[in-house]
């Protein structure tokens, strides 16, 4: 009986896995698509913000970061080159977190909010690493390319 239950549970999990990976990709990628394209449309402001945070070569780094965020997020949503895109956006998120959410340096009144943002970004990075490990699933461009 145990083997039958295990086989059933495994089959049920496999049946839902592709749908859950699709949902995960949409939920993880959507914020990066919105934020990245927003930065590309107001690149001057993004560059100025990075300069104010002491980022060296912000005029070069900002457009690269915005492109990685926007198109990496779009690739994740579509499931195209998912493992590479998830790794790239995870690296972007690590950099953004270390630039913008250094809660240990924040003023006391902002420290808790910056710590929450820092921890949220760690969770997002974990989600991207899960996509690196699992791939996009069947409901994706990667899945379509694998089948054809």
N, C-alpha and C. Protein backbone atom coordinates (compact mmCIF):
# COMPACT_ATOMS: atom_id res chain seq x y z
N UNK A 1 0.83 -1.19 0.00
CA UNK A 1 0.00 0.00 0.00
C UNK A 1 0.87 1.26 0.00
N UNK A 2 1.97 1.22 0.70
CA UNK A 2 2.85 2.39 0.76
C UNK A 2 3.38 2.74 -0.63
N UNK A 3 3.80 1.71 -1.40
CA UNK A 3 4.32 1.98 -2.74
C UNK A 3 3.26 2.61 -3.63
N UNK A 4 2.01 2.13 -3.53
CA UNK A 4 0.94 2.70 -4.34
C UNK A 4 0.69 4.16 -3.96
N UNK A 5 0.65 4.45 -2.69
CA UNK A 5 0.44 5.83 -2.25
C UNK A 5 1.58 6.71 -2.71
N UNK A 6 2.79 6.23 -2.62
CA UNK A 6 3.94 7.02 -3.06
C UNK A 6 3.87 7.26 -4.56
N UNK A 7 3.53 6.24 -5.33
CA UNK A 7 3.41 6.40 -6.78
C UNK A 7 2.33 7.41 -7.12
N UNK A 8 1.20 7.35 -6.42
CA UNK A 8 0.10 8.30 -6.65
C UNK A 8 0.56 9.72 -6.33
N UNK A 9 1.19 9.90 -5.17
CA UNK A 9 1.65 11.23 -4.78
C UNK A 9 2.66 11.78 -5.77
N UNK A 10 3.58 10.93 -6.23
CA UNK A 10 4.58 11.36 -7.21
C UNK A 10 3.91 11.75 -8.51
N UNK A 11 2.95 10.96 -8.96
CA UNK A 11 2.22 11.27 -10.20
C UNK A 11 1.46 12.58 -10.08
N UNK A 12 0.81 12.79 -8.95
CA UNK A 12 0.06 14.03 -8.75
C UNK A 12 1.00 15.23 -8.73
N UNK A 13 2.13 15.09 -8.07
CA UNK A 13 3.10 16.18 -8.03
C UNK A 13 3.64 16.48 -9.41
N UNK A 14 3.93 15.45 -10.18
CA UNK A 14 4.45 15.64 -11.54
C UNK A 14 3.40 16.31 -12.41
N UNK A 15 2.15 15.93 -12.27
CA UNK A 15 1.07 16.52 -13.05
C UNK A 15 0.92 18.01 -12.80
N UNK A 16 1.13 18.44 -11.58
CA UNK A 16 0.99 19.85 -11.22
C UNK A 16 2.28 20.63 -11.39
N UNK A 17 3.40 19.94 -11.52
CA UNK A 17 4.69 20.61 -11.53
C UNK A 17 4.80 21.67 -12.63
N UNK A 18 4.38 21.34 -13.84
CA UNK A 18 4.49 22.29 -14.94
C UNK A 18 3.63 23.52 -14.71
N UNK A 19 2.42 23.32 -14.20
CA UNK A 19 1.55 24.46 -13.91
C UNK A 19 2.12 25.31 -12.78
N UNK A 20 2.69 24.67 -11.77
CA UNK A 20 3.29 25.41 -10.66
C UNK A 20 4.54 26.17 -11.11
N UNK A 21 5.33 25.57 -11.99
CA UNK A 21 6.50 26.27 -12.52
C UNK A 21 6.08 27.48 -13.36
N UNK A 22 5.00 27.35 -14.13
CA UNK A 22 4.48 28.49 -14.88
C UNK A 22 4.06 29.61 -13.93
N UNK A 23 3.31 29.26 -12.90
CA UNK A 23 2.89 30.26 -11.92
C UNK A 23 4.09 30.90 -11.24
N UNK A 24 5.07 30.10 -10.87
CA UNK A 24 6.28 30.63 -10.21
C UNK A 24 7.01 31.60 -11.13
N UNK A 25 7.14 31.23 -12.40
CA UNK A 25 7.84 32.10 -13.35
C UNK A 25 7.12 33.43 -13.52
N UNK A 26 5.79 33.38 -13.63
CA UNK A 26 5.02 34.61 -13.80
C UNK A 26 5.14 35.48 -12.56
N UNK A 27 4.98 34.87 -11.38
CA UNK A 27 5.02 35.63 -10.13
C UNK A 27 6.41 36.21 -9.86
N UNK A 28 7.45 35.46 -10.15
CA UNK A 28 8.81 35.96 -9.94
C UNK A 28 9.21 36.98 -11.00
N UNK A 29 8.86 36.71 -12.24
CA UNK A 29 9.33 37.56 -13.32
C UNK A 29 8.59 38.86 -13.50
N UNK A 30 7.31 38.90 -13.16
CA UNK A 30 6.48 40.08 -13.44
C UNK A 30 7.03 41.36 -12.82
N UNK A 31 7.46 41.30 -11.59
CA UNK A 31 7.97 42.51 -10.93
C UNK A 31 9.24 43.02 -11.61
N UNK A 32 10.04 42.11 -12.15
CA UNK A 32 11.27 42.51 -12.82
C UNK A 32 10.98 43.09 -14.20
N UNK A 33 9.98 42.56 -14.89
CA UNK A 33 9.58 43.13 -16.17
C UNK A 33 9.10 44.57 -15.95
N UNK A 34 8.18 44.74 -15.00
CA UNK A 34 7.63 46.07 -14.73
C UNK A 34 8.71 47.05 -14.28
N UNK A 35 9.51 46.65 -13.33
CA UNK A 35 10.54 47.53 -12.78
C UNK A 35 11.63 47.81 -13.80
N UNK A 36 12.07 46.80 -14.52
CA UNK A 36 13.14 46.96 -15.49
C UNK A 36 12.76 47.87 -16.64
N UNK A 37 11.55 47.67 -17.21
CA UNK A 37 11.12 48.54 -18.30
C UNK A 37 10.85 49.95 -17.79
N UNK A 38 10.38 50.07 -16.55
CA UNK A 38 10.22 51.39 -15.95
C UNK A 38 11.55 52.13 -15.84
N UNK A 39 12.59 51.41 -15.45
CA UNK A 39 13.92 52.01 -15.36
C UNK A 39 14.45 52.39 -16.75
N UNK A 40 14.21 51.55 -17.74
CA UNK A 40 14.65 51.87 -19.10
C UNK A 40 13.95 53.12 -19.64
N UNK A 41 12.69 53.32 -19.27
CA UNK A 41 11.94 54.49 -19.74
C UNK A 41 12.33 55.77 -18.99
N UNK A 42 12.95 55.64 -17.85
CA UNK A 42 13.40 56.79 -17.06
C UNK A 42 14.84 56.56 -16.63
N UNK A 43 15.69 56.26 -17.60
CA UNK A 43 17.06 55.85 -17.32
C UNK A 43 17.85 56.93 -16.59
N UNK A 44 17.61 58.19 -16.90
CA UNK A 44 18.32 59.28 -16.23
C UNK A 44 18.09 59.27 -14.73
N UNK A 45 16.86 59.05 -14.35
CA UNK A 45 16.55 58.99 -12.92
C UNK A 45 17.18 57.79 -12.24
N UNK A 46 17.21 56.66 -12.94
CA UNK A 46 17.83 55.45 -12.39
C UNK A 46 19.33 55.67 -12.22
N UNK A 47 19.96 56.28 -13.22
CA UNK A 47 21.39 56.57 -13.13
C UNK A 47 21.67 57.52 -11.97
N UNK A 48 20.86 58.57 -11.85
CA UNK A 48 21.04 59.53 -10.75
C UNK A 48 20.89 58.85 -9.39
N UNK A 49 19.91 57.95 -9.29
CA UNK A 49 19.72 57.23 -8.03
C UNK A 49 20.92 56.36 -7.69
N UNK A 50 21.47 55.71 -8.69
CA UNK A 50 22.65 54.87 -8.46
C UNK A 50 23.86 55.72 -8.09
N UNK A 51 24.01 56.86 -8.75
CA UNK A 51 25.12 57.76 -8.41
C UNK A 51 24.99 58.26 -6.98
N UNK A 52 23.76 58.56 -6.55
CA UNK A 52 23.55 59.04 -5.18
C UNK A 52 23.86 57.97 -4.14
N UNK A 53 23.83 56.71 -4.55
CA UNK A 53 24.17 55.61 -3.63
C UNK A 53 25.64 55.22 -3.74
N UNK A 54 26.39 55.98 -4.53
CA UNK A 54 27.83 55.75 -4.62
C UNK A 54 28.25 54.63 -5.55
N UNK A 55 27.38 54.24 -6.48
CA UNK A 55 27.72 53.18 -7.42
C UNK A 55 28.71 53.72 -8.44
N UNK A 56 29.88 53.11 -8.56
CA UNK A 56 30.85 53.59 -9.56
C UNK A 56 30.36 53.27 -10.98
N UNK A 57 30.72 54.14 -11.91
CA UNK A 57 30.36 53.97 -13.33
C UNK A 57 28.87 53.75 -13.52
N UNK A 58 28.05 54.50 -12.79
CA UNK A 58 26.59 54.33 -12.84
C UNK A 58 26.04 54.51 -14.25
N UNK A 59 26.66 55.36 -15.07
CA UNK A 59 26.15 55.56 -16.44
C UNK A 59 26.31 54.32 -17.30
N UNK A 60 27.21 53.43 -16.91
CA UNK A 60 27.39 52.16 -17.62
C UNK A 60 26.62 51.04 -16.93
N UNK A 61 26.72 51.00 -15.61
CA UNK A 61 26.11 49.93 -14.82
C UNK A 61 24.58 50.00 -14.85
N UNK A 62 24.01 51.19 -14.78
CA UNK A 62 22.55 51.33 -14.71
C UNK A 62 21.85 50.78 -15.95
N UNK A 63 22.27 51.15 -17.17
CA UNK A 63 21.58 50.57 -18.33
C UNK A 63 21.72 49.05 -18.41
N UNK A 64 22.89 48.54 -18.05
CA UNK A 64 23.07 47.08 -18.06
C UNK A 64 22.13 46.43 -17.05
N UNK A 65 22.07 46.99 -15.86
CA UNK A 65 21.18 46.45 -14.84
C UNK A 65 19.72 46.50 -15.25
N UNK A 66 19.30 47.62 -15.84
CA UNK A 66 17.91 47.75 -16.28
C UNK A 66 17.59 46.75 -17.39
N UNK A 67 18.53 46.54 -18.31
CA UNK A 67 18.32 45.56 -19.39
C UNK A 67 18.23 44.14 -18.84
N UNK A 68 19.12 43.81 -17.91
CA UNK A 68 19.08 42.47 -17.30
C UNK A 68 17.76 42.28 -16.57
N UNK A 69 17.35 43.29 -15.83
CA UNK A 69 16.10 43.20 -15.07
C UNK A 69 14.90 43.05 -16.00
N UNK A 70 14.79 43.89 -17.02
CA UNK A 70 13.63 43.88 -17.91
C UNK A 70 13.59 42.62 -18.78
N UNK A 71 14.67 42.37 -19.50
CA UNK A 71 14.65 41.25 -20.44
C UNK A 71 14.88 39.91 -19.75
N UNK A 72 15.61 39.90 -18.63
CA UNK A 72 15.73 38.68 -17.84
C UNK A 72 14.38 38.31 -17.24
N UNK A 73 13.67 39.30 -16.73
CA UNK A 73 12.33 39.06 -16.19
C UNK A 73 11.38 38.55 -17.25
N UNK A 74 11.45 39.14 -18.45
CA UNK A 74 10.60 38.71 -19.56
C UNK A 74 10.94 37.27 -19.97
N UNK A 75 12.23 36.95 -20.03
CA UNK A 75 12.65 35.58 -20.37
C UNK A 75 12.13 34.59 -19.35
N UNK A 76 12.13 34.97 -18.09
CA UNK A 76 11.63 34.08 -17.04
C UNK A 76 10.12 33.87 -17.18
N UNK A 77 9.39 34.95 -17.40
CA UNK A 77 7.94 34.82 -17.58
C UNK A 77 7.61 33.90 -18.76
N UNK A 78 8.33 34.09 -19.86
CA UNK A 78 8.08 33.28 -21.06
C UNK A 78 8.69 31.89 -20.98
N UNK A 79 9.63 31.70 -20.06
CA UNK A 79 10.32 30.42 -19.95
C UNK A 79 11.31 30.22 -21.08
N UNK A 80 12.03 31.27 -21.42
CA UNK A 80 13.02 31.21 -22.50
C UNK A 80 14.42 31.36 -21.88
N UNK A 81 15.27 30.37 -22.14
CA UNK A 81 16.61 30.36 -21.53
C UNK A 81 16.48 30.58 -20.03
N UNK A 82 15.57 29.86 -19.43
CA UNK A 82 15.14 30.10 -18.05
C UNK A 82 16.27 29.98 -17.05
N UNK A 83 17.07 28.94 -17.16
CA UNK A 83 18.14 28.77 -16.16
C UNK A 83 19.13 29.93 -16.23
N UNK A 84 19.52 30.32 -17.43
CA UNK A 84 20.45 31.44 -17.60
C UNK A 84 19.81 32.75 -17.13
N UNK A 85 18.57 32.99 -17.53
CA UNK A 85 17.87 34.21 -17.13
C UNK A 85 17.71 34.27 -15.62
N UNK A 86 17.34 33.16 -14.99
CA UNK A 86 17.16 33.13 -13.54
C UNK A 86 18.47 33.41 -12.83
N UNK A 87 19.55 32.87 -13.35
CA UNK A 87 20.87 33.14 -12.76
C UNK A 87 21.24 34.61 -12.91
N UNK A 88 20.99 35.18 -14.08
CA UNK A 88 21.31 36.59 -14.32
C UNK A 88 20.48 37.51 -13.43
N UNK A 89 19.18 37.24 -13.33
CA UNK A 89 18.33 38.11 -12.51
C UNK A 89 18.61 37.90 -11.03
N UNK A 90 18.99 36.70 -10.63
CA UNK A 90 19.41 36.47 -9.24
C UNK A 90 20.66 37.29 -8.93
N UNK A 91 21.63 37.30 -9.85
CA UNK A 91 22.84 38.11 -9.65
C UNK A 91 22.50 39.59 -9.59
N UNK A 92 21.60 40.04 -10.47
CA UNK A 92 21.13 41.43 -10.41
C UNK A 92 20.52 41.73 -9.05
N UNK A 93 19.70 40.80 -8.55
CA UNK A 93 19.01 41.01 -7.27
C UNK A 93 20.00 41.05 -6.11
N UNK A 94 21.03 40.22 -6.16
CA UNK A 94 22.08 40.29 -5.14
C UNK A 94 22.72 41.67 -5.16
N UNK A 95 23.10 42.15 -6.35
CA UNK A 95 23.74 43.46 -6.45
C UNK A 95 22.80 44.57 -5.99
N UNK A 96 21.56 44.53 -6.44
CA UNK A 96 20.59 45.56 -6.04
C UNK A 96 20.36 45.56 -4.54
N UNK A 97 20.32 44.39 -3.95
CA UNK A 97 20.11 44.26 -2.51
C UNK A 97 21.27 44.88 -1.74
N UNK A 98 22.49 44.58 -2.20
CA UNK A 98 23.67 45.11 -1.51
C UNK A 98 23.85 46.61 -1.73
N UNK A 99 23.28 47.14 -2.80
CA UNK A 99 23.36 48.58 -3.05
C UNK A 99 22.27 49.32 -2.28
N UNK A 100 21.04 48.84 -2.38
CA UNK A 100 19.89 49.63 -1.92
C UNK A 100 19.31 49.23 -0.58
N UNK A 101 19.65 48.07 -0.06
CA UNK A 101 18.98 47.61 1.17
C UNK A 101 19.97 47.21 2.26
N UNK A 102 20.99 48.03 2.44
CA UNK A 102 21.97 47.78 3.51
C UNK A 102 21.38 48.27 4.83
N UNK A 103 20.49 47.48 5.37
CA UNK A 103 19.75 47.88 6.57
C UNK A 103 20.66 48.17 7.74
N UNK A 104 21.80 47.52 7.79
CA UNK A 104 22.73 47.71 8.90
C UNK A 104 23.35 49.11 8.88
N UNK A 105 23.23 49.82 7.75
CA UNK A 105 23.73 51.19 7.65
C UNK A 105 22.61 52.22 7.69
N UNK A 106 21.37 51.78 7.71
CA UNK A 106 20.22 52.68 7.61
C UNK A 106 20.01 53.44 8.92
N UNK A 107 19.37 54.58 8.78
CA UNK A 107 18.96 55.35 9.96
C UNK A 107 17.99 54.50 10.78
N UNK A 108 17.98 54.69 12.09
CA UNK A 108 17.14 53.85 12.95
C UNK A 108 15.67 53.78 12.51
N UNK A 109 15.12 54.90 12.03
CA UNK A 109 13.71 54.89 11.62
C UNK A 109 13.48 54.12 10.32
N UNK A 110 14.51 53.89 9.51
CA UNK A 110 14.38 53.17 8.24
C UNK A 110 14.94 51.75 8.32
N UNK A 111 15.60 51.42 9.41
CA UNK A 111 16.30 50.15 9.51
C UNK A 111 15.37 48.95 9.33
N UNK A 112 14.24 48.92 10.00
CA UNK A 112 13.33 47.78 9.95
C UNK A 112 12.79 47.58 8.53
N UNK A 113 12.40 48.66 7.85
CA UNK A 113 11.88 48.54 6.49
C UNK A 113 12.97 48.05 5.53
N UNK A 114 14.18 48.53 5.69
CA UNK A 114 15.27 48.08 4.83
C UNK A 114 15.61 46.60 5.10
N UNK A 115 15.49 46.19 6.36
CA UNK A 115 15.72 44.79 6.68
C UNK A 115 14.65 43.91 6.04
N UNK A 116 13.41 44.36 6.04
CA UNK A 116 12.33 43.62 5.39
C UNK A 116 12.60 43.51 3.89
N UNK A 117 13.01 44.60 3.26
CA UNK A 117 13.32 44.58 1.83
C UNK A 117 14.50 43.64 1.53
N UNK A 118 15.49 43.67 2.39
CA UNK A 118 16.66 42.79 2.26
C UNK A 118 16.22 41.32 2.31
N UNK A 119 15.42 40.98 3.30
CA UNK A 119 14.97 39.60 3.46
C UNK A 119 14.04 39.17 2.32
N UNK A 120 13.18 40.08 1.85
CA UNK A 120 12.31 39.79 0.70
C UNK A 120 13.16 39.45 -0.51
N UNK A 121 14.22 40.21 -0.72
CA UNK A 121 15.08 39.95 -1.86
C UNK A 121 15.81 38.61 -1.72
N UNK A 122 16.18 38.23 -0.50
CA UNK A 122 16.77 36.91 -0.30
C UNK A 122 15.79 35.82 -0.71
N UNK A 123 14.51 35.99 -0.38
CA UNK A 123 13.50 35.01 -0.78
C UNK A 123 13.36 34.95 -2.29
N UNK A 124 13.38 36.10 -2.95
CA UNK A 124 13.30 36.15 -4.41
C UNK A 124 14.50 35.44 -5.03
N UNK A 125 15.68 35.68 -4.49
CA UNK A 125 16.89 35.00 -4.97
C UNK A 125 16.72 33.49 -4.84
N UNK A 126 16.16 33.04 -3.73
CA UNK A 126 15.89 31.61 -3.54
C UNK A 126 14.94 31.07 -4.60
N UNK A 127 13.93 31.84 -4.95
CA UNK A 127 13.01 31.44 -6.01
C UNK A 127 13.73 31.30 -7.35
N UNK A 128 14.61 32.24 -7.65
CA UNK A 128 15.37 32.15 -8.90
C UNK A 128 16.31 30.94 -8.90
N UNK A 129 16.93 30.67 -7.78
CA UNK A 129 17.81 29.50 -7.71
C UNK A 129 17.01 28.21 -7.89
N UNK A 130 15.76 28.19 -7.42
CA UNK A 130 14.89 27.04 -7.66
C UNK A 130 14.64 26.85 -9.16
N UNK A 131 14.46 27.95 -9.89
CA UNK A 131 14.27 27.85 -11.34
C UNK A 131 15.55 27.41 -12.04
N UNK A 132 16.70 27.84 -11.52
CA UNK A 132 17.97 27.36 -12.08
C UNK A 132 18.03 25.84 -11.93
N UNK A 133 17.62 25.33 -10.78
CA UNK A 133 17.67 23.89 -10.52
C UNK A 133 16.63 23.12 -11.31
N UNK A 134 15.42 23.66 -11.46
CA UNK A 134 14.32 22.90 -12.04
C UNK A 134 14.12 23.13 -13.53
N UNK A 135 14.49 24.30 -14.00
CA UNK A 135 14.15 24.67 -15.37
C UNK A 135 12.75 25.24 -15.42
N UNK A 136 12.28 25.51 -16.64
CA UNK A 136 11.02 26.24 -16.83
C UNK A 136 9.78 25.38 -16.78
N UNK A 137 9.91 24.10 -17.05
CA UNK A 137 8.74 23.24 -17.14
C UNK A 137 8.20 23.19 -18.57
N UNK A 138 7.18 22.40 -18.73
CA UNK A 138 6.62 22.12 -20.06
C UNK A 138 5.92 23.34 -20.66
N UNK A 139 5.28 24.17 -19.84
CA UNK A 139 4.52 25.32 -20.34
C UNK A 139 5.46 26.52 -20.50
N UNK A 140 6.38 26.42 -21.44
CA UNK A 140 7.40 27.45 -21.61
C UNK A 140 8.00 27.34 -23.00
N UNK A 141 8.72 28.36 -23.39
CA UNK A 141 9.46 28.30 -24.65
C UNK A 141 10.53 27.22 -24.57
N UNK A 142 11.21 27.12 -23.44
CA UNK A 142 12.22 26.06 -23.26
C UNK A 142 11.57 24.69 -23.42
N UNK A 143 10.41 24.48 -22.82
CA UNK A 143 9.71 23.21 -22.93
C UNK A 143 9.29 22.92 -24.36
N UNK A 144 8.83 23.94 -25.06
CA UNK A 144 8.45 23.77 -26.46
C UNK A 144 9.66 23.39 -27.30
N UNK A 145 10.80 24.07 -27.07
CA UNK A 145 12.02 23.76 -27.84
C UNK A 145 12.48 22.34 -27.56
N UNK A 146 12.35 21.88 -26.34
CA UNK A 146 12.76 20.52 -25.98
C UNK A 146 11.91 19.48 -26.71
N UNK A 147 10.63 19.76 -26.86
CA UNK A 147 9.72 18.82 -27.51
C UNK A 147 9.86 18.84 -29.03
N UNK A 148 10.44 19.89 -29.60
CA UNK A 148 10.52 19.99 -31.07
C UNK A 148 11.92 19.92 -31.58
